[in-house]
Protein backbone atom coordinates (compact mmCIF):
# COMPACT_ATOMS: atom_id res chain seq x y z
CA MET A 1 28.46 36.76 5.67
CA PRO A 2 26.51 33.70 6.85
CA GLN A 3 27.28 30.67 5.94
CA GLU A 4 24.78 28.89 4.64
CA GLU A 5 24.34 24.61 5.81
CA LYS A 6 25.11 22.14 4.26
CA THR A 7 23.23 20.19 2.57
CA VAL A 8 22.87 16.42 2.54
CA VAL A 9 21.19 13.56 1.80
CA LEU A 10 18.53 11.73 4.08
CA GLN A 11 17.19 9.18 2.42
CA THR A 12 13.68 7.30 4.45
CA ASP A 13 11.23 4.24 3.68
CA VAL A 14 7.42 6.36 3.19
CA ARG A 15 4.67 4.08 1.82
CA GLU A 16 3.70 5.21 -0.96
CA SER A 17 0.19 6.60 -0.67
CA LEU A 18 2.48 9.42 1.69
CA ARG A 19 4.58 9.03 -1.07
CA THR A 20 1.83 10.53 -3.57
CA ARG A 21 0.75 12.61 -1.10
CA LEU A 22 3.91 15.08 -0.88
CA LYS A 23 4.01 15.04 -4.26
CA LEU A 24 0.06 16.48 -5.15
CA GLN A 25 1.07 18.74 -2.54
CA ALA A 26 4.91 19.81 -3.77
CA VAL A 27 2.83 20.47 -6.64
CA ARG A 28 -0.10 22.23 -6.06
CA LEU A 29 2.40 24.33 -4.38
CA GLY A 30 4.63 25.13 -6.68
CA THR A 31 7.27 23.49 -4.72
CA THR A 32 9.80 20.77 -5.23
CA MET A 33 9.47 17.06 -2.62
CA SER A 34 12.79 17.90 -0.90
CA LEU A 35 12.67 21.59 0.38
CA LEU A 36 8.35 20.89 0.86
CA THR A 37 9.62 18.17 3.39
CA GLU A 38 12.54 20.17 4.58
CA GLU A 39 9.85 22.30 6.12
CA ILE A 40 7.42 20.18 7.47
CA LEU A 41 10.42 18.60 9.08
CA ASP A 42 10.84 21.24 10.75
CA GLU A 43 7.74 22.67 11.64
CA GLY A 44 6.96 19.62 13.47
CA LEU A 45 10.25 19.47 14.96
CA LYS A 46 10.41 22.86 16.07
CA LYS A 47 7.17 21.95 17.76
CA LEU A 48 8.61 18.97 19.90
CA GLU A 49 11.17 20.83 20.63
CA GLN A 50 8.31 23.63 22.61
CA GLN A 51 6.91 20.49 24.17
CA GLU A 52 9.96 19.52 25.76
CA VAL A 53 10.76 22.82 27.16
CA ARG A 54 7.21 22.26 28.81
CA LYS A 55 7.96 19.57 30.59
């Protein structure tokens, strides 16, 4: 049985306007800011990692 990864707190300072945009998108998508942030970070990091492999 695969184990679920432990969830940890990641705190960061962002512009108020960015937080507002994130909140609006989370509401539109029917999700939480936390889950949306995790999805955005995961997708962004995958793109960066793919770019590193191509170099």
